[in-house]
Amino acid sequence: MTAVIRLLRGLSYAFLPAELVLLVCLVAGVRIPPAALAVAELAGLALLLTGSAVFLRLWRRGGSARQALGELVPEPVLRLVGHELRLMASLVRWVGRRRVGVRPGDQVFPHARDQAALLYGFAFVCLVETVGMSYLLADWPVAHAIMLVVDVYTVLFVLGLHAASVTRPHLLTADGLRLRQAAHVDLLVPLDRIASVRYELVFSHEKKEGELNLAVGSQTSLTIELTEPVDAPRFLGAPRPVRIVRCHADDARTLYRALSQAVAAAADAGTAVAAAADAGTAVTAAADAGTGVAQPADTRTAVAQPADTRTAAAQPADTRTAAAQPAVTPVRTGPSPTPGPPV
């Protein structure tokens, strides 16, 4: 199965560039024989059907669909496709006013307000470009169709970035602080790993190792320092341990106060648990020590038992005493003999 998967990946890497070249030739007006187009379409269909069959076979082995797809498709490709799908799904959730991952009891902190004007401006510019390119390419139907699809998708992409930020706010839960940005960042910071939290407005961010800046509108308002690094994967899945996280929220001061209280409560709970564990250890040690002291008394009692044995051993003396008594000769009770004449 491994050899088949490698073969499918190699064919996919060869087919996609060839399909791109064919598309460019069509846009440029190059006449391509119908037979070549048919062969290309059949090759693509065969590759798709073979990949689907291998996927179903991997799935039926007992793994999840995600695991089966991960064995068949490289991780960077999966992350790219997943990101695009999440953006499109965010548009639907945005229209329906639904948020992602919010459970009862979670504290919600939106963070998309300060970027709304910028993204709306980008979307408007892309829309104007779509109209302009559609007018300019009216005499080239193939190019017109391709650019229309690309321009419309660009508008949806920009709006999807904002929709993902709206439907994925920051969350303060019992497990920790869940920080999110658009559809590509979802980081859970445990409360017991937070060393300090401070309200700090920062408008310029330099890329440094071990730091994560989740800027909104080129600004962050909260700086979180950690006792231990947490993994914040990069866009294509590469690991990235961070010890300092900067983020932004629409109401950053409220988030600062809530997070400070949660961190303090978690620290108090941890101290109480540690104290209870120490007390339990001390009680256990004292109980073990008490059991060890009480044991010699039992030993002495056990040692005292031979006295009873000696007492029991002394009983034969009474037997010997009884045996030492003289035997009593029985006396006849018949008539006495008549004394004889004196000699």
C-alpha atoms as a PDB file:
ATOM      1  CA  MET A   1       0.000   0.000   0.000  1.00  0.00           C
ATOM      2  CA  THR A   2       2.891   2.366   0.707  1.00  0.00           C
ATOM      3  CA  ALA A   3       4.230   1.935  -2.831  1.00  0.00           C
ATOM      4  CA  VAL A   4       0.791   2.673  -4.290  1.00  0.00           C
ATOM      5  CA  ILE A   5       0.482   5.843  -2.201  1.00  0.00           C
ATOM      6  CA  ARG A   6       3.907   7.041  -3.324  1.00  0.00           C
ATOM      7  CA  LEU A   7       2.998   6.332  -6.955  1.00  0.00           C
ATOM      8  CA  LEU A   8      -0.237   8.310  -6.626  1.00  0.00           C
ATOM      9  CA  ARG A   9       1.597  11.248  -5.083  1.00  0.00           C
ATOM     10  CA  GLY A  10       4.197  11.231  -7.852  1.00  0.00           C
ATOM     11  CA  LEU A  11       1.515  11.152 -10.546  1.00  0.00           C
ATOM     12  CA  SER A  12      -0.336  13.996  -8.842  1.00  0.00           C
ATOM     13  CA  TYR A  13       2.815  16.125  -8.687  1.00  0.00           C
ATOM     14  CA  ALA A  14       3.315  15.520 -12.435  1.00  0.00           C
ATOM     15  CA  PHE A  15      -0.325  15.969 -13.432  1.00  0.00           C
ATOM     16  CA  LEU A  16      -1.054  19.279 -11.706  1.00  0.00           C
ATOM     17  CA  PRO A  17       1.755  21.267 -13.449  1.00  0.00           C
ATOM     18  CA  ALA A  18       0.770  19.712 -16.787  1.00  0.00           C
ATOM     19  CA  GLU A  19      -2.832  20.748 -16.238  1.00  0.00           C
ATOM     20  CA  LEU A  20      -1.682  24.271 -15.383  1.00  0.00           C
ATOM     21  CA  VAL A  21       0.376  24.482 -18.591  1.00  0.00           C
ATOM     22  CA  LEU A  22      -2.622  23.295 -20.583  1.00  0.00           C
ATOM     23  CA  LEU A  23      -4.797  25.959 -18.979  1.00  0.00           C
ATOM     24  CA  VAL A  24      -2.288  28.693 -19.801  1.00  0.00           C
ATOM     25  CA  CYS A  25      -2.182  27.530 -23.424  1.00  0.00           C
ATOM     26  CA  LEU A  26      -5.954  27.673 -23.648  1.00  0.00           C
ATOM     27  CA  VAL A  27      -6.009  31.200 -22.252  1.00  0.00           C
ATOM     28  CA  ALA A  28      -3.269  32.292 -24.664  1.00  0.00           C
ATOM     29  CA  GLY A  29      -5.291  31.075 -27.625  1.00  0.00           C
ATOM     30  CA  VAL A  30      -3.077  28.118 -28.560  1.00  0.00           C
ATOM     31  CA  ARG A  31      -4.945  25.506 -30.584  1.00  0.00           C
ATOM     32  CA  ILE A  32      -4.740  22.176 -28.783  1.00  0.00           C
ATOM     33  CA  PRO A  33      -5.828  18.978 -30.571  1.00  0.00           C
ATOM     34  CA  PRO A  34      -9.043  17.536 -29.175  1.00  0.00           C
ATOM     35  CA  ALA A  35      -7.308  14.204 -28.678  1.00  0.00           C
ATOM     36  CA  ALA A  36      -4.770  15.811 -26.302  1.00  0.00           C
ATOM     37  CA  LEU A  37      -7.563  17.424 -24.312  1.00  0.00           C
ATOM     38  CA  ALA A  38      -9.401  14.114 -24.089  1.00  0.00           C
ATOM     39  CA  VAL A  39      -6.265  12.288 -22.909  1.00  0.00           C
ATOM     40  CA  ALA A  40      -5.646  14.925 -20.252  1.00  0.00           C
ATOM     41  CA  GLU A  41      -9.216  14.714 -18.974  1.00  0.00           C
ATOM     42  CA  LEU A  42      -9.164  10.917 -18.907  1.00  0.00           C
ATOM     43  CA  ALA A  43      -5.845  10.928 -17.036  1.00  0.00           C
ATOM     44  CA  GLY A  44      -7.234  13.305 -14.448  1.00  0.00           C
ATOM     45  CA  LEU A  45     -10.384  11.212 -14.037  1.00  0.00           C
ATOM     46  CA  ALA A  46      -8.390   7.986 -13.671  1.00  0.00           C
ATOM     47  CA  LEU A  47      -6.141   9.586 -11.071  1.00  0.00           C
ATOM     48  CA  LEU A  48      -9.154  10.824  -9.130  1.00  0.00           C
ATOM     49  CA  LEU A  49     -10.899   7.441  -9.168  1.00  0.00           C
ATOM     50  CA  THR A  50      -7.741   5.589  -8.120  1.00  0.00           C
ATOM     51  CA  GLY A  51      -7.125   8.000  -5.264  1.00  0.00           C
ATOM     52  CA  SER A  52     -10.740   7.617  -4.108  1.00  0.00           C
ATOM     53  CA  ALA A  53     -10.426   3.828  -4.094  1.00  0.00           C
ATOM     54  CA  VAL A  54      -7.212   3.943  -2.049  1.00  0.00           C
ATOM     55  CA  PHE A  55      -8.818   6.402   0.371  1.00  0.00           C
ATOM     56  CA  LEU A  56     -11.795   4.108   0.953  1.00  0.00           C
ATOM     57  CA  ARG A  57      -9.519   1.150   1.525  1.00  0.00           C
ATOM     58  CA  LEU A  58      -7.452   3.063   4.083  1.00  0.00           C
ATOM     59  CA  TRP A  59     -10.596   4.278   5.807  1.00  0.00           C
ATOM     60  CA  ARG A  60     -12.023   0.764   6.103  1.00  0.00           C
ATOM     61  CA  ARG A  61      -8.937  -0.425   7.919  1.00  0.00           C
ATOM     62  CA  GLY A  62     -10.291   1.163  11.088  1.00  0.00           C
ATOM     63  CA  GLY A  63      -8.786   4.635  11.036  1.00  0.00           C
ATOM     64  CA  SER A  64     -10.639   7.919  10.779  1.00  0.00           C
ATOM     65  CA  ALA A  65     -11.254   9.761   7.529  1.00  0.00           C
ATOM     66  CA  ARG A  66      -8.719  12.403   8.591  1.00  0.00           C
ATOM     67  CA  GLN A  67      -6.010   9.773   9.131  1.00  0.00           C
ATOM     68  CA  ALA A  68      -6.753   8.076   5.815  1.00  0.00           C
ATOM     69  CA  LEU A  69      -6.627  11.388   3.990  1.00  0.00           C
ATOM     70  CA  GLY A  70      -3.410  12.290   5.813  1.00  0.00           C
ATOM     71  CA  GLU A  71      -1.709   9.155   4.520  1.00  0.00           C
ATOM     72  CA  LEU A  72      -2.818   9.867   0.985  1.00  0.00           C
ATOM     73  CA  VAL A  73      -2.346  13.652   0.763  1.00  0.00           C
ATOM     74  CA  PRO A  74       0.688  15.609   2.072  1.00  0.00           C
ATOM     75  CA  GLU A  75       0.089  17.625   5.230  1.00  0.00           C
ATOM     76  CA  PRO A  76       0.756  21.063   3.640  1.00  0.00           C
ATOM     77  CA  VAL A  77      -1.833  20.392   0.936  1.00  0.00           C
ATOM     78  CA  LEU A  78      -4.365  19.305   3.540  1.00  0.00           C
ATOM     79  CA  ARG A  79      -3.805  22.446   5.581  1.00  0.00           C
ATOM     80  CA  LEU A  80      -4.162  24.701   2.521  1.00  0.00           C
ATOM     81  CA  VAL A  81      -7.385  23.062   1.387  1.00  0.00           C
ATOM     82  CA  GLY A  82      -8.737  22.984   4.939  1.00  0.00           C
ATOM     83  CA  HIS A  83      -8.016  26.683   5.343  1.00  0.00           C
ATOM     84  CA  GLU A  84      -9.939  27.565   2.192  1.00  0.00           C
ATOM     85  CA  LEU A  85     -12.887  25.412   3.218  1.00  0.00           C
ATOM     86  CA  ARG A  86     -13.001  26.987   6.681  1.00  0.00           C
ATOM     87  CA  LEU A  87     -13.076  30.452   5.115  1.00  0.00           C
ATOM     88  CA  MET A  88     -16.039  29.549   2.915  1.00  0.00           C
ATOM     89  CA  ALA A  89     -17.838  27.894   5.839  1.00  0.00           C
ATOM     90  CA  SER A  90     -17.210  31.025   7.931  1.00  0.00           C
ATOM     91  CA  LEU A  91     -19.179  33.067   5.408  1.00  0.00           C
ATOM     92  CA  VAL A  92     -22.207  30.839   5.971  1.00  0.00           C
ATOM     93  CA  ARG A  93     -21.811  31.018   9.762  1.00  0.00           C
ATOM     94  CA  TRP A  94     -21.363  34.781   9.581  1.00  0.00           C
ATOM     95  CA  VAL A  95     -24.655  35.173   7.739  1.00  0.00           C
ATOM     96  CA  GLY A  96     -26.329  32.852  10.258  1.00  0.00           C
ATOM     97  CA  ARG A  97     -24.691  34.640  13.240  1.00  0.00           C
ATOM     98  CA  ARG A  98     -23.193  31.417  14.538  1.00  0.00           C
ATOM     99  CA  ARG A  99     -19.887  31.105  16.389  1.00  0.00           C
ATOM    100  CA  VAL A 100     -17.449  28.223  16.327  1.00  0.00           C
ATOM    101  CA  GLY A 101     -16.461  26.283  19.441  1.00  0.00           C
ATOM    102  CA  VAL A 102     -18.362  28.353  22.014  1.00  0.00           C
ATOM    103  CA  ARG A 103     -19.685  26.197  24.872  1.00  0.00           C
ATOM    104  CA  PRO A 104     -21.907  27.116  27.822  1.00  0.00           C
ATOM    105  CA  GLY A 105     -19.839  28.803  30.513  1.00  0.00           C
ATOM    106  CA  ASP A 106     -17.144  30.098  28.147  1.00  0.00           C
ATOM    107  CA  GLN A 107     -16.278  33.801  28.259  1.00  0.00           C
ATOM    108  CA  VAL A 108     -16.286  35.262  24.740  1.00  0.00           C
ATOM    109  CA  PHE A 109     -14.015  38.114  23.640  1.00  0.00           C
ATOM    110  CA  PRO A 110     -14.449  39.321  20.022  1.00  0.00           C
ATOM    111  CA  HIS A 111     -11.424  40.732  18.220  1.00  0.00           C
ATOM    112  CA  ALA A 112     -12.505  41.580  14.644  1.00  0.00           C
ATOM    113  CA  ARG A 113     -13.777  45.136  15.066  1.00  0.00           C
ATOM    114  CA  ASP A 114     -10.515  46.986  14.374  1.00  0.00           C
ATOM    115  CA  GLN A 115      -9.871  45.199  11.068  1.00  0.00           C
ATOM    116  CA  ALA A 116     -13.382  45.469   9.633  1.00  0.00           C
ATOM    117  CA  ALA A 117     -12.856  48.774   7.797  1.00  0.00           C
ATOM    118  CA  LEU A 118      -9.601  47.581   6.233  1.00  0.00           C
ATOM    119  CA  LEU A 119     -11.037  44.299   4.947  1.00  0.00           C
ATOM    120  CA  TYR A 120     -14.203  45.931   3.693  1.00  0.00           C
ATOM    121  CA  GLY A 121     -11.996  48.347   1.731  1.00  0.00           C
ATOM    122  CA  PHE A 122     -10.036  45.448   0.218  1.00  0.00           C
ATOM    123  CA  ALA A 123     -13.249  43.693  -0.745  1.00  0.00           C
ATOM    124  CA  PHE A 124     -14.542  46.834  -2.451  1.00  0.00           C
ATOM    125  CA  VAL A 125     -11.304  47.243  -4.432  1.00  0.00           C
ATOM    126  CA  CYS A 126     -11.464  43.596  -5.527  1.00  0.00           C
ATOM    127  CA  LEU A 127     -15.056  44.071  -6.599  1.00  0.00           C
ATOM    128  CA  VAL A 128     -14.121  47.088  -8.738  1.00  0.00           C
ATOM    129  CA  GLU A 129     -11.297  45.062 -10.275  1.00  0.00           C
ATOM    130  CA  THR A 130     -13.741  42.262 -11.101  1.00  0.00           C
ATOM    131  CA  VAL A 131     -15.995  44.643 -13.007  1.00  0.00           C
ATOM    132  CA  GLY A 132     -13.062  46.248 -14.822  1.00  0.00           C
ATOM    133  CA  MET A 133     -11.463  42.959 -15.879  1.00  0.00           C
ATOM    134  CA  SER A 134     -14.823  41.632 -17.010  1.00  0.00           C
ATOM    135  CA  TYR A 135     -15.212  44.634 -19.322  1.00  0.00           C
ATOM    136  CA  LEU A 136     -11.639  44.467 -20.650  1.00  0.00           C
ATOM    137  CA  LEU A 137     -11.745  40.730 -21.398  1.00  0.00           C
ATOM    138  CA  ALA A 138     -15.167  40.680 -22.999  1.00  0.00           C
ATOM    139  CA  ASP A 139     -13.673  39.763 -26.413  1.00  0.00           C
ATOM    140  CA  TRP A 140     -11.772  36.729 -25.001  1.00  0.00           C
ATOM    141  CA  PRO A 141     -14.402  34.392 -23.588  1.00  0.00           C
ATOM    142  CA  VAL A 142     -11.994  31.851 -22.047  1.00  0.00           C
ATOM    143  CA  ALA A 143      -9.855  34.481 -20.348  1.00  0.00           C
ATOM    144  CA  HIS A 144     -12.975  36.341 -19.304  1.00  0.00           C
ATOM    145  CA  ALA A 145     -14.435  33.251 -17.632  1.00  0.00           C
ATOM    146  CA  ILE A 146     -11.201  32.352 -15.859  1.00  0.00           C
ATOM    147  CA  MET A 147     -10.581  35.864 -14.525  1.00  0.00           C
ATOM    148  CA  LEU A 148     -14.213  36.187 -13.465  1.00  0.00           C
ATOM    149  CA  VAL A 149     -13.898  33.054 -11.339  1.00  0.00           C
ATOM    150  CA  VAL A 150     -10.581  34.251  -9.864  1.00  0.00           C
ATOM    151  CA  ASP A 151     -11.901  37.752  -9.072  1.00  0.00           C
ATOM    152  CA  VAL A 152     -15.129  36.519  -7.480  1.00  0.00           C
ATOM    153  CA  TYR A 153     -13.181  34.024  -5.390  1.00  0.00           C
ATOM    154  CA  THR A 154     -10.848  36.827  -4.290  1.00  0.00           C
ATOM    155  CA  VAL A 155     -13.785  38.880  -3.046  1.00  0.00           C
ATOM    156  CA  LEU A 156     -15.136  35.870  -1.164  1.00  0.00           C
ATOM    157  CA  PHE A 157     -11.658  35.182   0.243  1.00  0.00           C
ATOM    158  CA  VAL A 158     -11.303  38.678   1.686  1.00  0.00           C
ATOM    159  CA  LEU A 159     -14.788  38.609   3.174  1.00  0.00           C
ATOM    160  CA  GLY A 160     -14.080  35.103   4.490  1.00  0.00           C
ATOM    161  CA  LEU A 161     -11.057  36.390   6.418  1.00  0.00           C
ATOM    162  CA  HIS A 162     -13.256  38.839   8.274  1.00  0.00           C
ATOM    163  CA  ALA A 163     -16.062  36.301   8.699  1.00  0.00           C
ATOM    164  CA  ALA A 164     -13.619  33.783  10.215  1.00  0.00           C
ATOM    165  CA  SER A 165     -12.433  36.370  12.730  1.00  0.00           C
ATOM    166  CA  VAL A 166     -16.019  37.252  13.660  1.00  0.00           C
ATOM    167  CA  THR A 167     -17.148  33.641  14.097  1.00  0.00           C
ATOM    168  CA  ARG A 168     -13.960  32.589  15.946  1.00  0.00           C
ATOM    169  CA  PRO A 169     -13.546  34.940  18.931  1.00  0.00           C
ATOM    170  CA  HIS A 170     -11.099  34.449  21.783  1.00  0.00           C
ATOM    171  CA  LEU A 171     -12.439  32.177  24.528  1.00  0.00           C
ATOM    172  CA  LEU A 172     -11.609  31.947  28.224  1.00  0.00           C
ATOM    173  CA  THR A 173     -12.576  28.460  29.346  1.00  0.00           C
ATOM    174  CA  ALA A 174     -11.909  26.178  32.276  1.00  0.00           C
ATOM    175  CA  ASP A 175      -9.104  24.563  30.238  1.00  0.00           C
ATOM    176  CA  GLY A 176      -7.301  27.811  29.433  1.00  0.00           C
ATOM    177  CA  LEU A 177      -7.250  30.770  27.073  1.00  0.00           C
ATOM    178  CA  ARG A 178      -8.111  29.865  23.478  1.00  0.00           C
ATOM    179  CA  LEU A 179      -6.650  32.415  21.071  1.00  0.00           C
ATOM    180  CA  ARG A 180      -7.750  32.456  17.437  1.00  0.00           C
ATOM    181  CA  GLN A 181      -7.085  34.508  14.349  1.00  0.00           C
ATOM    182  CA  ALA A 182      -9.046  34.148  11.105  1.00  0.00           C
ATOM    183  CA  ALA A 183      -9.125  30.464  10.109  1.00  0.00           C
ATOM    184  CA  HIS A 184      -5.438  29.543  10.486  1.00  0.00           C
ATOM    185  CA  VAL A 185      -4.595  30.151  14.185  1.00  0.00           C
ATOM    186  CA  ASP A 186      -6.232  28.239  17.032  1.00  0.00           C
ATOM    187  CA  LEU A 187      -3.998  28.140  20.106  1.00  0.00           C
ATOM    188  CA  LEU A 188      -4.939  26.885  23.581  1.00  0.00           C
ATOM    189  CA  VAL A 189      -2.827  28.355  26.402  1.00  0.00           C
ATOM    190  CA  PRO A 190      -3.273  26.437  29.700  1.00  0.00           C
ATOM    191  CA  LEU A 191      -3.836  28.685  32.714  1.00  0.00           C
ATOM    192  CA  ASP A 192      -1.168  26.924  34.776  1.00  0.00           C
ATOM    193  CA  ARG A 193       1.482  27.872  32.197  1.00  0.00           C
ATOM    194  CA  ILE A 194       0.781  31.605  32.291  1.00  0.00           C
ATOM    195  CA  ALA A 195       3.463  33.396  34.289  1.00  0.00           C
ATOM    196  CA  SER A 196       2.249  36.969  33.804  1.00  0.00           C
ATOM    197  CA  VAL A 197      -0.356  38.994  31.925  1.00  0.00           C
ATOM    198  CA  ARG A 198      -0.149  42.688  31.198  1.00  0.00           C
ATOM    199  CA  TYR A 199      -2.130  45.230  29.242  1.00  0.00           C
ATOM    200  CA  GLU A 200       0.283  46.653  26.674  1.00  0.00           C
ATOM    201  CA  LEU A 201      -0.462  48.431  23.409  1.00  0.00           C
ATOM    202  CA  VAL A 202       2.080  47.510  20.713  1.00  0.00           C
ATOM    203  CA  PHE A 203       1.859  48.788  17.121  1.00  0.00           C
ATOM    204  CA  SER A 204       5.124  47.454  15.679  1.00  0.00           C
ATOM    205  CA  HIS A 205       6.028  43.783  15.902  1.00  0.00           C
ATOM    206  CA  GLU A 206       9.328  42.219  14.954  1.00  0.00           C
ATOM    207  CA  LYS A 207       9.480  38.535  14.144  1.00  0.00           C
ATOM    208  CA  LYS A 208      11.443  36.819  16.913  1.00  0.00           C
ATOM    209  CA  GLU A 209      11.932  33.193  17.766  1.00  0.00           C
ATOM    210  CA  GLY A 210       9.652  32.064  20.572  1.00  0.00           C
ATOM    211  CA  GLU A 211       7.132  34.903  20.123  1.00  0.00           C
ATOM    212  CA  LEU A 212       3.673  34.874  18.539  1.00  0.00           C
ATOM    213  CA  ASN A 213       2.005  38.148  17.539  1.00  0.00           C
ATOM    214  CA  LEU A 214      -1.695  37.910  16.723  1.00  0.00           C
ATOM    215  CA  ALA A 215      -2.082  41.489  15.559  1.00  0.00           C
ATOM    216  CA  VAL A 216      -5.444  42.912  14.489  1.00  0.00           C
ATOM    217  CA  GLY A 217      -5.242  46.141  12.549  1.00  0.00           C
ATOM    218  CA  SER A 218      -1.451  46.133  13.155  1.00  0.00           C
ATOM    219  CA  GLN A 219      -1.877  46.287  16.936  1.00  0.00           C
ATOM    220  CA  THR A 220      -1.861  44.058  19.988  1.00  0.00           C
ATOM    221  CA  SER A 221      -3.118  45.033  23.420  1.00  0.00           C
ATOM    222  CA  LEU A 222      -2.302  42.067  25.668  1.00  0.00           C
ATOM    223  CA  THR A 223       1.056  40.410  26.354  1.00  0.00           C
ATOM    224  CA  ILE A 224       1.145  36.943  27.908  1.00  0.00           C
ATOM    225  CA  GLU A 225       4.367  35.375  29.188  1.00  0.00           C
ATOM    226  CA  LEU A 226       4.484  31.616  29.777  1.00  0.00           C
ATOM    227  CA  THR A 227       6.424  29.446  32.191  1.00  0.00           C
ATOM    228  CA  GLU A 228       6.716  26.696  29.565  1.00  0.00           C
ATOM    229  CA  PRO A 229       6.497  26.955  25.776  1.00  0.00           C
ATOM    230  CA  VAL A 230       3.375  25.896  23.921  1.00  0.00           C
ATOM    231  CA  ASP A 231       3.298  24.727  20.327  1.00  0.00           C
ATOM    232  CA  ALA A 232       1.717  27.157  17.847  1.00  0.00           C
ATOM    233  CA  PRO A 233       2.004  25.385  14.452  1.00  0.00           C
ATOM    234  CA  ARG A 234       2.833  27.489  11.433  1.00  0.00           C
ATOM    235  CA  PHE A 235       0.497  27.850   8.479  1.00  0.00           C
ATOM    236  CA  LEU A 236       1.739  24.669   6.767  1.00  0.00           C
ATOM    237  CA  GLY A 237       2.055  22.655   9.985  1.00  0.00           C
ATOM    238  CA  ALA A 238       5.675  23.208  11.026  1.00  0.00           C
ATOM    239  CA  PRO A 239       6.096  23.250  14.839  1.00  0.00           C
ATOM    240  CA  ARG A 240       6.727  26.600  16.522  1.00  0.00           C
ATOM    241  CA  PRO A 241       7.222  26.672  20.322  1.00  0.00           C
ATOM    242  CA  VAL A 242       6.428  30.083  21.828  1.00  0.00           C
ATOM    243  CA  ARG A 243       6.870  31.552  25.310  1.00  0.00           C
ATOM    244  CA  ILE A 244       5.446  35.039  24.631  1.00  0.00           C
ATOM    245  CA  VAL A 245       2.045  35.594  23.033  1.00  0.00           C
ATOM    246  CA  ARG A 246       0.626  38.983  22.071  1.00  0.00           C
ATOM    247  CA  CYS A 247      -3.016  39.292  21.082  1.00  0.00           C
ATOM    248  CA  HIS A 248      -5.783  41.861  20.705  1.00  0.00           C
ATOM    249  CA  ALA A 249      -9.439  42.031  21.685  1.00  0.00           C
ATOM    250  CA  ASP A 250     -12.173  44.572  21.152  1.00  0.00           C
ATOM    251  CA  ASP A 251     -12.407  44.998  24.938  1.00  0.00           C
ATOM    252  CA  ALA A 252      -8.834  44.243  25.931  1.00  0.00           C
ATOM    253  CA  ARG A 253      -9.123  45.577  29.504  1.00  0.00           C
ATOM    254  CA  THR A 254     -12.008  43.241  30.287  1.00  0.00           C
ATOM    255  CA  LEU A 255     -10.032  40.314  28.884  1.00  0.00           C
ATOM    256  CA  TYR A 256      -7.034  41.376  30.969  1.00  0.00           C
ATOM    257  CA  ARG A 257      -9.063  41.444  34.202  1.00  0.00           C
ATOM    258  CA  ALA A 258     -10.827  38.156  33.497  1.00  0.00           C
ATOM    259  CA  LEU A 259      -7.599  36.392  32.543  1.00  0.00           C
ATOM    260  CA  SER A 260      -5.762  37.747  35.610  1.00  0.00           C
ATOM    261  CA  GLN A 261      -8.517  36.480  37.889  1.00  0.00           C
ATOM    262  CA  ALA A 262      -8.560  33.086  36.186  1.00  0.00           C
ATOM    263  CA  VAL A 263      -4.774  32.738  36.478  1.00  0.00           C
ATOM    264  CA  ALA A 264      -4.885  33.700  40.176  1.00  0.00           C
ATOM    265  CA  ALA A 265      -7.704  31.223  40.821  1.00  0.00           C
ATOM    266  CA  ALA A 266      -5.798  28.476  39.020  1.00  0.00           C
ATOM    267  CA  ALA A 267      -2.681  29.252  41.071  1.00  0.00           C
ATOM    268  CA  ASP A 268      -4.672  29.122  44.342  1.00  0.00           C
ATOM    269  CA  ALA A 269      -6.270  25.851  43.305  1.00  0.00           C
ATOM    270  CA  GLY A 270      -2.866  24.409  42.474  1.00  0.00           C
ATOM    271  CA  THR A 271      -1.491  25.523  45.848  1.00  0.00           C
ATOM    272  CA  ALA A 272      -4.462  23.978  47.657  1.00  0.00           C
ATOM    273  CA  VAL A 273      -4.033  20.713  45.793  1.00  0.00           C
ATOM    274  CA  ALA A 274      -0.308  20.652  46.592  1.00  0.00           C
ATOM    275  CA  ALA A 275      -1.005  21.397  50.289  1.00  0.00           C
ATOM    276  CA  ALA A 276      -3.612  18.644  50.421  1.00  0.00           C
ATOM    277  CA  ALA A 277      -1.181  16.231  48.802  1.00  0.00           C
ATOM    278  CA  ASP A 278       1.538  17.156  51.332  1.00  0.00           C
ATOM    279  CA  ALA A 279      -0.917  16.759  54.219  1.00  0.00           C
ATOM    280  CA  GLY A 280      -1.981  13.382  52.926  1.00  0.00           C
ATOM    281  CA  THR A 281       1.654  12.316  52.640  1.00  0.00           C
ATOM    282  CA  ALA A 282       2.343  13.473  56.209  1.00  0.00           C
ATOM    283  CA  VAL A 283      -0.695  11.611  57.553  1.00  0.00           C
ATOM    284  CA  THR A 284       0.347   8.479  55.735  1.00  0.00           C
ATOM    285  CA  ALA A 285       3.890   8.756  57.094  1.00  0.00           C
ATOM    286  CA  ALA A 286       2.588   9.292  60.644  1.00  0.00           C
ATOM    287  CA  ALA A 287       0.282   6.297  60.341  1.00  0.00           C
ATOM    288  CA  ASP A 288       3.164   4.175  59.102  1.00  0.00           C
ATOM    289  CA  ALA A 289       5.347   5.398  61.994  1.00  0.00           C
ATOM    290  CA  GLY A 290       2.609   4.642  64.556  1.00  0.00           C
ATOM    291  CA  THR A 291       2.177   1.160  63.177  1.00  0.00           C
ATOM    292  CA  GLY A 292       5.919   0.600  63.424  1.00  0.00           C
ATOM    293  CA  VAL A 293       6.011   1.682  67.155  1.00  0.00           C
ATOM    294  CA  ALA A 294       3.060  -0.470  68.139  1.00  0.00           C
ATOM    295  CA  GLN A 295       4.645  -3.573  66.731  1.00  0.00           C
ATOM    296  CA  PRO A 296       7.223  -4.116  69.604  1.00  0.00           C
ATOM    297  CA  ALA A 297       4.341  -4.330  72.138  1.00  0.00           C
ATOM    298  CA  ASP A 298       2.936  -7.212  70.197  1.00  0.00           C
ATOM    299  CA  THR A 299       6.409  -8.690  70.108  1.00  0.00           C
ATOM    300  CA  ARG A 300       6.739  -8.400  73.873  1.00  0.00           C
ATOM    301  CA  THR A 301       3.349 -10.016  74.328  1.00  0.00           C
ATOM    302  CA  ALA A 302       4.449 -12.775  72.036  1.00  0.00           C
ATOM    303  CA  VAL A 303       7.670 -13.141  74.025  1.00  0.00           C
ATOM    304  CA  ALA A 304       5.723 -13.313  77.265  1.00  0.00           C
ATOM    305  CA  GLN A 305       3.910 -16.352  76.062  1.00  0.00           C
ATOM    306  CA  PRO A 306       6.744 -18.781  77.016  1.00  0.00           C
ATOM    307  CA  ALA A 307       5.932 -17.951  80.689  1.00  0.00           C
ATOM    308  CA  ASP A 308       2.606 -19.630  80.217  1.00  0.00           C
ATOM    309  CA  THR A 309       4.496 -22.443  78.598  1.00  0.00           C
ATOM    310  CA  ARG A 310       6.759 -22.698  81.638  1.00  0.00           C
ATOM    311  CA  THR A 311       3.724 -22.657  83.889  1.00  0.00           C
ATOM    312  CA  ALA A 312       2.233 -25.387  81.819  1.00  0.00           C
ATOM    313  CA  ALA A 313       5.574 -27.185  82.029  1.00  0.00           C
ATOM    314  CA  ALA A 314       5.458 -26.984  85.793  1.00  0.00           C
ATOM    315  CA  GLN A 315       2.381 -29.150  85.911  1.00  0.00           C
ATOM    316  CA  PRO A 316       4.399 -32.421  85.740  1.00  0.00           C
ATOM    317  CA  ALA A 317       5.790 -31.490  89.199  1.00  0.00           C
ATOM    318  CA  ASP A 318       2.351 -32.010  90.654  1.00  0.00           C
ATOM    319  CA  THR A 319       2.236 -35.309  88.883  1.00  0.00           C
ATOM    320  CA  ARG A 320       5.574 -36.224  90.354  1.00  0.00           C
ATOM    321  CA  THR A 321       4.362 -35.202  93.804  1.00  0.00           C
ATOM    322  CA  ALA A 322       1.334 -37.349  93.401  1.00  0.00           C
ATOM    323  CA  ALA A 323       3.574 -40.177  92.305  1.00  0.00           C
ATOM    324  CA  ALA A 324       5.855 -39.760  95.369  1.00  0.00           C
ATOM    325  CA  GLN A 325       3.097 -40.490  97.861  1.00  0.00           C
ATOM    326  CA  PRO A 326       3.466 -44.017  99.425  1.00  0.00           C
ATOM    327  CA  ALA A 327       1.054 -46.559  98.364  1.00  0.00           C
ATOM    328  CA  VAL A 328      -1.576 -47.409 100.943  1.00  0.00           C
ATOM    329  CA  THR A 329      -1.738 -51.194 101.807  1.00  0.00           C
ATOM    330  CA  PRO A 330      -5.238 -52.371 102.200  1.00  0.00           C
ATOM    331  CA  VAL A 331      -6.115 -53.730 105.716  1.00  0.00           C
ATOM    332  CA  ARG A 332      -8.098 -56.873 106.166  1.00  0.00           C
ATOM    333  CA  THR A 333     -11.240 -56.573 108.074  1.00  0.00           C
ATOM    334  CA  GLY A 334     -11.625 -60.285 108.922  1.00  0.00           C
ATOM    335  CA  PRO A 335     -11.381 -61.832 112.522  1.00  0.00           C
ATOM    336  CA  SER A 336      -8.082 -61.516 114.334  1.00  0.00           C
ATOM    337  CA  PRO A 337      -6.107 -64.748 114.843  1.00  0.00           C
ATOM    338  CA  THR A 338      -6.247 -66.361 118.329  1.00  0.00           C
ATOM    339  CA  PRO A 339      -3.057 -65.808 120.190  1.00  0.00           C
ATOM    340  CA  GLY A 340      -1.135 -69.036 120.979  1.00  0.00           C
ATOM    341  CA  PRO A 341      -0.033 -70.258 124.340  1.00  0.00           C
ATOM    342  CA  PRO A 342       3.000 -68.727 125.789  1.00  0.00           C
ATOM    343  CA  VAL A 343       6.129 -70.553 125.223  1.00  0.00           C
END
